[in-house]
Amino acid sequence: MFLKIVFLVLTLTGVVLPLFLADPYKMIRTDGTRVTPIRHPSWKTEFVSLFVALRTDPWIVLLFPMFFASNYFYTWRESDITGK
């Protein structure tokens, strides 16, 4: 029960904290320059970049089993925490 409350508090903290972040378009550094907000690429650009990376460096494919293995245990961890 205690663990569920801790996760709930962490989740609520993560929801509330971004409300206190400053707007990057209004931020000015001490030297007078403005902060440039990061532009995130679209999903199409991400897929094109993935195919370019796979074409130029095919060894990246060997990393995919590691990606799967690093997240494989979440099913059992989450079922243990939630009791489902």
PDB file of N, CA and C in Angstrom:
ATOM      1  N   MET A   1       0.817  -1.194   0.000  1.00  0.00           N
ATOM      2  CA  MET A   1       0.000   0.000   0.000  1.00  0.00           C
ATOM      3  C   MET A   1       0.866   1.265   0.000  1.00  0.00           C
ATOM      4  N   PHE A   2       1.931   1.223   0.809  1.00  0.00           N
ATOM      5  CA  PHE A   2       2.814   2.380   0.898  1.00  0.00           C
ATOM      6  C   PHE A   2       3.462   2.684  -0.451  1.00  0.00           C
ATOM      7  N   LEU A   3       3.846   1.626  -1.171  1.00  0.00           N
ATOM      8  CA  LEU A   3       4.495   1.798  -2.459  1.00  0.00           C
ATOM      9  C   LEU A   3       3.550   2.444  -3.470  1.00  0.00           C
ATOM     10  N   LYS A   4       2.285   2.099  -3.423  1.00  0.00           N
ATOM     11  CA  LYS A   4       1.301   2.698  -4.324  1.00  0.00           C
ATOM     12  C   LYS A   4       1.130   4.182  -4.033  1.00  0.00           C
ATOM     13  N   ILE A   5       1.159   4.538  -2.761  1.00  0.00           N
ATOM     14  CA  ILE A   5       1.032   5.945  -2.386  1.00  0.00           C
ATOM     15  C   ILE A   5       2.254   6.729  -2.860  1.00  0.00           C
ATOM     16  N   VAL A   6       3.434   6.140  -2.732  1.00  0.00           N
ATOM     17  CA  VAL A   6       4.658   6.802  -3.186  1.00  0.00           C
ATOM     18  C   VAL A   6       4.598   7.045  -4.690  1.00  0.00           C
ATOM     19  N   PHE A   7       4.171   6.037  -5.452  1.00  0.00           N
ATOM     20  CA  PHE A   7       4.056   6.213  -6.900  1.00  0.00           C
ATOM     21  C   PHE A   7       3.003   7.253  -7.255  1.00  0.00           C
ATOM     22  N   LEU A   8       1.924   7.303  -6.516  1.00  0.00           N
ATOM     23  CA  LEU A   8       0.891   8.302  -6.771  1.00  0.00           C
ATOM     24  C   LEU A   8       1.417   9.706  -6.509  1.00  0.00           C
ATOM     25  N   VAL A   9       2.154   9.881  -5.432  1.00  0.00           N
ATOM     26  CA  VAL A   9       2.726  11.194  -5.107  1.00  0.00           C
ATOM     27  C   VAL A   9       3.742  11.604  -6.181  1.00  0.00           C
ATOM     28  N   LEU A  10       4.581  10.670  -6.619  1.00  0.00           N
ATOM     29  CA  LEU A  10       5.541  10.987  -7.679  1.00  0.00           C
ATOM     30  C   LEU A  10       4.835  11.367  -8.973  1.00  0.00           C
ATOM     31  N   THR A  11       3.774  10.662  -9.304  1.00  0.00           N
ATOM     32  CA  THR A  11       3.019  10.968 -10.516  1.00  0.00           C
ATOM     33  C   THR A  11       2.386  12.348 -10.421  1.00  0.00           C
ATOM     34  N   LEU A  12       1.773  12.654  -9.312  1.00  0.00           N
ATOM     35  CA  LEU A  12       1.145  13.963  -9.141  1.00  0.00           C
ATOM     36  C   LEU A  12       2.180  15.084  -9.145  1.00  0.00           C
ATOM     37  N   THR A  13       3.340  14.816  -8.582  1.00  0.00           N
ATOM     38  CA  THR A  13       4.415  15.806  -8.614  1.00  0.00           C
ATOM     39  C   THR A  13       4.846  16.068 -10.055  1.00  0.00           C
ATOM     40  N   GLY A  14       4.936  14.999 -10.844  1.00  0.00           N
ATOM     41  CA  GLY A  14       5.305  15.150 -12.242  1.00  0.00           C
ATOM     42  C   GLY A  14       4.266  15.896 -13.050  1.00  0.00           C
ATOM     43  N   VAL A  15       3.007  15.854 -12.617  1.00  0.00           N
ATOM     44  CA  VAL A  15       1.944  16.588 -13.309  1.00  0.00           C
ATOM     45  C   VAL A  15       1.972  18.064 -12.935  1.00  0.00           C
ATOM     46  N   VAL A  16       2.269  18.364 -11.685  1.00  0.00           N
ATOM     47  CA  VAL A  16       2.191  19.734 -11.190  1.00  0.00           C
ATOM     48  C   VAL A  16       3.468  20.541 -11.505  1.00  0.00           C
ATOM     49  N   LEU A  17       4.631  19.928 -11.439  1.00  0.00           N
ATOM     50  CA  LEU A  17       5.885  20.674 -11.628  1.00  0.00           C
ATOM     51  C   LEU A  17       5.988  21.409 -12.964  1.00  0.00           C
ATOM     52  N   PRO A  18       5.564  20.850 -14.088  1.00  0.00           N
ATOM     53  CA  PRO A  18       5.674  21.606 -15.342  1.00  0.00           C
ATOM     54  C   PRO A  18       4.872  22.894 -15.359  1.00  0.00           C
ATOM     55  N   LEU A  19       3.880  23.015 -14.502  1.00  0.00           N
ATOM     56  CA  LEU A  19       3.099  24.248 -14.448  1.00  0.00           C
ATOM     57  C   LEU A  19       3.931  25.430 -13.950  1.00  0.00           C
ATOM     58  N   PHE A  20       5.017  25.147 -13.250  1.00  0.00           N
ATOM     59  CA  PHE A  20       5.872  26.193 -12.700  1.00  0.00           C
ATOM     60  C   PHE A  20       7.080  26.511 -13.574  1.00  0.00           C
ATOM     61  N   LEU A  21       7.202  25.840 -14.716  1.00  0.00           N
ATOM     62  CA  LEU A  21       8.322  26.118 -15.613  1.00  0.00           C
ATOM     63  C   LEU A  21       8.124  27.458 -16.316  1.00  0.00           C
ATOM     64  N   ALA A  22       9.217  28.136 -16.571  1.00  0.00           N
ATOM     65  CA  ALA A  22       9.148  29.420 -17.260  1.00  0.00           C
ATOM     66  C   ALA A  22       8.932  29.190 -18.753  1.00  0.00           C
ATOM     67  N   ASP A  23       8.254  30.126 -19.395  1.00  0.00           N
ATOM     68  CA  ASP A  23       8.027  30.058 -20.830  1.00  0.00           C
ATOM     69  C   ASP A  23       9.337  30.372 -21.539  1.00  0.00           C
ATOM     70  N   PRO A  24       9.854  29.447 -22.360  1.00  0.00           N
ATOM     71  CA  PRO A  24      11.161  29.695 -22.990  1.00  0.00           C
ATOM     72  C   PRO A  24      11.148  30.866 -23.958  1.00  0.00           C
ATOM     73  N   TYR A  25       9.991  31.225 -24.487  1.00  0.00           N
ATOM     74  CA  TYR A  25       9.927  32.363 -25.408  1.00  0.00           C
ATOM     75  C   TYR A  25      10.090  33.698 -24.673  1.00  0.00           C
ATOM     76  N   LYS A  26       9.865  33.713 -23.370  1.00  0.00           N
ATOM     77  CA  LYS A  26       9.980  34.950 -22.585  1.00  0.00           C
ATOM     78  C   LYS A  26      11.299  35.047 -21.824  1.00  0.00           C
ATOM     79  N   MET A  27      12.115  34.004 -21.879  1.00  0.00           N
ATOM     80  CA  MET A  27      13.356  33.986 -21.109  1.00  0.00           C
ATOM     81  C   MET A  27      14.439  34.804 -21.800  1.00  0.00           C
ATOM     82  N   ILE A  28      15.171  35.577 -20.999  1.00  0.00           N
ATOM     83  CA  ILE A  28      16.298  36.366 -21.491  1.00  0.00           C
ATOM     84  C   ILE A  28      17.482  36.084 -20.558  1.00  0.00           C
ATOM     85  N   ARG A  29      18.623  35.758 -21.151  1.00  0.00           N
ATOM     86  CA  ARG A  29      19.818  35.461 -20.359  1.00  0.00           C
ATOM     87  C   ARG A  29      20.394  36.742 -19.769  1.00  0.00           C
ATOM     88  N   THR A  30      21.338  36.567 -18.860  1.00  0.00           N
ATOM     89  CA  THR A  30      21.943  37.729 -18.213  1.00  0.00           C
ATOM     90  C   THR A  30      22.744  38.583 -19.192  1.00  0.00           C
ATOM     91  N   ASP A  31      23.209  37.990 -20.306  1.00  0.00           N
ATOM     92  CA  ASP A  31      23.951  38.778 -21.290  1.00  0.00           C
ATOM     93  C   ASP A  31      23.018  39.439 -22.311  1.00  0.00           C
ATOM     94  N   GLY A  32      21.705  39.294 -22.144  1.00  0.00           N
ATOM     95  CA  GLY A  32      20.739  39.969 -22.994  1.00  0.00           C
ATOM     96  C   GLY A  32      20.242  39.156 -24.176  1.00  0.00           C
ATOM     97  N   THR A  33      20.779  37.966 -24.391  1.00  0.00           N
ATOM     98  CA  THR A  33      20.324  37.140 -25.519  1.00  0.00           C
ATOM     99  C   THR A  33      19.101  36.323 -25.117  1.00  0.00           C
ATOM    100  N   ARG A  34      18.304  36.009 -26.106  1.00  0.00           N
ATOM    101  CA  ARG A  34      17.107  35.201 -25.853  1.00  0.00           C
ATOM    102  C   ARG A  34      17.446  33.715 -25.948  1.00  0.00           C
ATOM    103  N   VAL A  35      16.684  32.928 -25.221  1.00  0.00           N
ATOM    104  CA  VAL A  35      16.827  31.479 -25.255  1.00  0.00           C
ATOM    105  C   VAL A  35      16.126  30.960 -26.505  1.00  0.00           C
ATOM    106  N   THR A  36      16.799  30.086 -27.233  1.00  0.00           N
ATOM    107  CA  THR A  36      16.209  29.484 -28.423  1.00  0.00           C
ATOM    108  C   THR A  36      15.574  28.157 -28.034  1.00  0.00           C
ATOM    109  N   PRO A  37      14.248  28.051 -28.142  1.00  0.00           N
ATOM    110  CA  PRO A  37      13.604  26.779 -27.798  1.00  0.00           C
ATOM    111  C   PRO A  37      13.992  25.675 -28.785  1.00  0.00           C
ATOM    112  N   ILE A  38      14.069  24.469 -28.296  1.00  0.00           N
ATOM    113  CA  ILE A  38      14.439  23.325 -29.124  1.00  0.00           C
ATOM    114  C   ILE A  38      13.251  22.946 -30.005  1.00  0.00           C
ATOM    115  N   ARG A  39      13.512  22.763 -31.275  1.00  0.00           N
ATOM    116  CA  ARG A  39      12.473  22.292 -32.189  1.00  0.00           C
ATOM    117  C   ARG A  39      12.613  20.792 -32.329  1.00  0.00           C
ATOM    118  N   HIS A  40      11.577  20.075 -31.954  1.00  0.00           N
ATOM    119  CA  HIS A  40      11.608  18.624 -32.034  1.00  0.00           C
ATOM    120  C   HIS A  40      11.203  18.184 -33.436  1.00  0.00           C
ATOM    121  N   PRO A  41      11.882  17.168 -33.963  1.00  0.00           N
ATOM    122  CA  PRO A  41      11.549  16.712 -35.308  1.00  0.00           C
ATOM    123  C   PRO A  41      10.199  15.993 -35.336  1.00  0.00           C
ATOM    124  N   SER A  42       9.606  15.963 -36.506  1.00  0.00           N
ATOM    125  CA  SER A  42       8.333  15.265 -36.650  1.00  0.00           C
ATOM    126  C   SER A  42       8.581  13.762 -36.700  1.00  0.00           C
ATOM    127  N   TRP A  43       7.519  12.989 -36.630  1.00  0.00           N
ATOM    128  CA  TRP A  43       7.676  11.535 -36.653  1.00  0.00           C
ATOM    129  C   TRP A  43       8.165  11.076 -38.026  1.00  0.00           C
ATOM    130  N   LYS A  44       7.801  11.813 -39.065  1.00  0.00           N
ATOM    131  CA  LYS A  44       8.280  11.446 -40.404  1.00  0.00           C
ATOM    132  C   LYS A  44       9.795  11.629 -40.494  1.00  0.00           C
ATOM    133  N   THR A  45      10.292  12.729 -39.939  1.00  0.00           N
ATOM    134  CA  THR A  45      11.727  12.978 -39.947  1.00  0.00           C
ATOM    135  C   THR A  45      12.464  11.920 -39.139  1.00  0.00           C
ATOM    136  N   GLU A  46      11.865  11.489 -38.036  1.00  0.00           N
ATOM    137  CA  GLU A  46      12.479  10.448 -37.213  1.00  0.00           C
ATOM    138  C   GLU A  46      12.602   9.132 -37.982  1.00  0.00           C
ATOM    139  N   PHE A  47      11.545   8.750 -38.718  1.00  0.00           N
ATOM    140  CA  PHE A  47      11.594   7.498 -39.481  1.00  0.00           C
ATOM    141  C   PHE A  47      12.600   7.586 -40.623  1.00  0.00           C
ATOM    142  N   VAL A  48      12.649   8.726 -41.301  1.00  0.00           N
ATOM    143  CA  VAL A  48      13.628   8.896 -42.375  1.00  0.00           C
ATOM    144  C   VAL A  48      15.039   8.813 -41.804  1.00  0.00           C
ATOM    145  N   SER A  49      15.261   9.429 -40.652  1.00  0.00           N
ATOM    146  CA  SER A  49      16.577   9.378 -40.015  1.00  0.00           C
ATOM    147  C   SER A  49      16.933   7.954 -39.594  1.00  0.00           C
ATOM    148  N   LEU A  50      15.931   7.186 -39.144  1.00  0.00           N
ATOM    149  CA  LEU A  50      16.176   5.797 -38.779  1.00  0.00           C
ATOM    150  C   LEU A  50      16.621   4.992 -39.993  1.00  0.00           C
ATOM    151  N   PHE A  51      15.945   5.156 -41.122  1.00  0.00           N
ATOM    152  CA  PHE A  51      16.314   4.423 -42.318  1.00  0.00           C
ATOM    153  C   PHE A  51      17.686   4.845 -42.841  1.00  0.00           C
ATOM    154  N   VAL A  52      18.010   6.126 -42.728  1.00  0.00           N
ATOM    155  CA  VAL A  52      19.335   6.592 -43.139  1.00  0.00           C
ATOM    156  C   VAL A  52      20.402   5.971 -42.238  1.00  0.00           C
ATOM    157  N   ALA A  53      20.134   5.925 -40.946  1.00  0.00           N
ATOM    158  CA  ALA A  53      21.094   5.336 -40.010  1.00  0.00           C
ATOM    159  C   ALA A  53      21.278   3.845 -40.277  1.00  0.00           C
ATOM    160  N   LEU A  54      20.183   3.150 -40.555  1.00  0.00           N
ATOM    161  CA  LEU A  54      20.293   1.717 -40.838  1.00  0.00           C
ATOM    162  C   LEU A  54      21.019   1.453 -42.154  1.00  0.00           C
ATOM    163  N   ARG A  55      20.846   2.337 -43.118  1.00  0.00           N
ATOM    164  CA  ARG A  55      21.512   2.161 -44.406  1.00  0.00           C
ATOM    165  C   ARG A  55      23.003   2.465 -44.301  1.00  0.00           C
ATOM    166  N   THR A  56      23.363   3.489 -43.537  1.00  0.00           N
ATOM    167  CA  THR A  56      24.769   3.875 -43.449  1.00  0.00           C
ATOM    168  C   THR A  56      25.538   3.024 -42.439  1.00  0.00           C
ATOM    169  N   ASP A  57      24.854   2.530 -41.407  1.00  0.00           N
ATOM    170  CA  ASP A  57      25.520   1.713 -40.386  1.00  0.00           C
ATOM    171  C   ASP A  57      24.623   0.529 -40.031  1.00  0.00           C
ATOM    172  N   PRO A  58      24.689  -0.561 -40.790  1.00  0.00           N
ATOM    173  CA  PRO A  58      23.787  -1.693 -40.550  1.00  0.00           C
ATOM    174  C   PRO A  58      24.043  -2.418 -39.234  1.00  0.00           C
ATOM    175  N   TRP A  59      25.152  -2.160 -38.581  1.00  0.00           N
ATOM    176  CA  TRP A  59      25.422  -2.810 -37.294  1.00  0.00           C
ATOM    177  C   TRP A  59      24.434  -2.357 -36.217  1.00  0.00           C
ATOM    178  N   ILE A  60      23.725  -1.279 -36.448  1.00  0.00           N
ATOM    179  CA  ILE A  60      22.744  -0.791 -35.478  1.00  0.00           C
ATOM    180  C   ILE A  60      21.654  -1.834 -35.245  1.00  0.00           C
ATOM    181  N   VAL A  61      21.371  -2.641 -36.252  1.00  0.00           N
ATOM    182  CA  VAL A  61      20.342  -3.678 -36.121  1.00  0.00           C
ATOM    183  C   VAL A  61      20.692  -4.634 -34.978  1.00  0.00           C
ATOM    184  N   LEU A  62      21.963  -4.842 -34.720  1.00  0.00           N
ATOM    185  CA  LEU A  62      22.369  -5.737 -33.641  1.00  0.00           C
ATOM    186  C   LEU A  62      22.007  -5.190 -32.265  1.00  0.00           C
ATOM    187  N   LEU A  63      21.690  -3.910 -32.166  1.00  0.00           N
ATOM    188  CA  LEU A  63      21.295  -3.324 -30.886  1.00  0.00           C
ATOM    189  C   LEU A  63      19.833  -3.617 -30.532  1.00  0.00           C
ATOM    190  N   PHE A  64      19.000  -3.961 -31.516  1.00  0.00           N
ATOM    191  CA  PHE A  64      17.582  -4.167 -31.261  1.00  0.00           C
ATOM    192  C   PHE A  64      17.293  -5.254 -30.222  1.00  0.00           C
ATOM    193  N   PRO A  65      17.985  -6.392 -30.217  1.00  0.00           N
ATOM    194  CA  PRO A  65      17.739  -7.365 -29.132  1.00  0.00           C
ATOM    195  C   PRO A  65      18.046  -6.792 -27.749  1.00  0.00           C
ATOM    196  N   MET A  66      19.045  -5.936 -27.674  1.00  0.00           N
ATOM    197  CA  MET A  66      19.364  -5.319 -26.387  1.00  0.00           C
ATOM    198  C   MET A  66      18.245  -4.381 -25.948  1.00  0.00           C
ATOM    199  N   PHE A  67      17.652  -3.632 -26.900  1.00  0.00           N
ATOM    200  CA  PHE A  67      16.541  -2.755 -26.559  1.00  0.00           C
ATOM    201  C   PHE A  67      15.370  -3.559 -26.021  1.00  0.00           C
ATOM    202  N   PHE A  68      15.085  -4.686 -26.659  1.00  0.00           N
ATOM    203  CA  PHE A  68      13.985  -5.541 -26.210  1.00  0.00           C
ATOM    204  C   PHE A  68      14.283  -6.118 -24.830  1.00  0.00           C
ATOM    205  N   ALA A  69      15.506  -6.599 -24.635  1.00  0.00           N
ATOM    206  CA  ALA A  69      15.872  -7.226 -23.368  1.00  0.00           C
ATOM    207  C   ALA A  69      15.859  -6.228 -22.217  1.00  0.00           C
ATOM    208  N   SER A  70      16.184  -4.975 -22.489  1.00  0.00           N
ATOM    209  CA  SER A  70      16.231  -3.997 -21.396  1.00  0.00           C
ATOM    210  C   SER A  70      14.836  -3.634 -20.892  1.00  0.00           C
ATOM    211  N   ASN A  71      13.791  -3.854 -21.688  1.00  0.00           N
ATOM    212  CA  ASN A  71      12.423  -3.535 -21.277  1.00  0.00           C
ATOM    213  C   ASN A  71      11.563  -4.770 -21.064  1.00  0.00           C
ATOM    214  N   TYR A  72      12.135  -5.944 -21.191  1.00  0.00           N
ATOM    215  CA  TYR A  72      11.377  -7.192 -21.127  1.00  0.00           C
ATOM    216  C   TYR A  72      10.786  -7.456 -19.744  1.00  0.00           C
ATOM    217  N   PHE A  73      11.468  -7.030 -18.692  1.00  0.00           N
ATOM    218  CA  PHE A  73      11.039  -7.351 -17.334  1.00  0.00           C
ATOM    219  C   PHE A  73       9.891  -6.477 -16.833  1.00  0.00           C
ATOM    220  N   TYR A  74       9.533  -5.422 -17.557  1.00  0.00           N
ATOM    221  CA  TYR A  74       8.497  -4.517 -17.085  1.00  0.00           C
ATOM    222  C   TYR A  74       7.153  -5.220 -16.892  1.00  0.00           C
ATOM    223  N   THR A  75       6.857  -6.205 -17.695  1.00  0.00           N
ATOM    224  CA  THR A  75       5.591  -6.927 -17.558  1.00  0.00           C
ATOM    225  C   THR A  75       5.470  -7.535 -16.175  1.00  0.00           C
ATOM    226  N   TRP A  76       6.512  -8.202 -15.707  1.00  0.00           N
ATOM    227  CA  TRP A  76       6.451  -8.835 -14.401  1.00  0.00           C
ATOM    228  C   TRP A  76       6.575  -7.814 -13.276  1.00  0.00           C
ATOM    229  N   ARG A  77       7.359  -6.781 -13.460  1.00  0.00           N
ATOM    230  CA  ARG A  77       7.481  -5.774 -12.416  1.00  0.00           C
ATOM    231  C   ARG A  77       6.151  -5.048 -12.209  1.00  0.00           C
ATOM    232  N   GLU A  78       5.512  -4.653 -13.284  1.00  0.00           N
ATOM    233  CA  GLU A  78       4.256  -3.936 -13.160  1.00  0.00           C
ATOM    234  C   GLU A  78       3.157  -4.827 -12.594  1.00  0.00           C
ATOM    235  N   SER A  79       3.134  -6.092 -12.977  1.00  0.00           N
ATOM    236  CA  SER A  79       2.099  -6.967 -12.438  1.00  0.00           C
ATOM    237  C   SER A  79       2.334  -7.223 -10.960  1.00  0.00           C
ATOM    238  N   ASP A  80       3.583  -7.180 -10.516  1.00  0.00           N
ATOM    239  CA  ASP A  80       3.866  -7.356  -9.107  1.00  0.00           C
ATOM    240  C   ASP A  80       3.426  -6.135  -8.303  1.00  0.00           C
ATOM    241  N   ILE A  81       3.606  -4.950  -8.857  1.00  0.00           N
ATOM    242  CA  ILE A  81       3.244  -3.720  -8.149  1.00  0.00           C
ATOM    243  C   ILE A  81       1.731  -3.533  -8.136  1.00  0.00           C
ATOM    244  N   THR A  82       1.090  -3.714  -9.264  1.00  0.00           N
ATOM    245  CA  THR A  82      -0.341  -3.455  -9.338  1.00  0.00           C
ATOM    246  C   THR A  82      -1.192  -4.612  -8.838  1.00  0.00           C
ATOM    247  N   GLY A  83      -0.595  -5.795  -8.720  1.00  0.00           N
ATOM    248  CA  GLY A  83      -1.342  -6.936  -8.195  1.00  0.00           C
ATOM    249  C   GLY A  83      -2.278  -7.565  -9.203  1.00  0.00           C
ATOM    250  N   LYS A  84      -2.089  -7.260 -10.481  1.00  0.00           N
ATOM    251  CA  LYS A  84      -2.971  -7.835 -11.513  1.00  0.00           C
ATOM    252  C   LYS A  84      -2.356  -9.070 -12.103  1.00  0.00           C
TER     253      LYS A  84
END
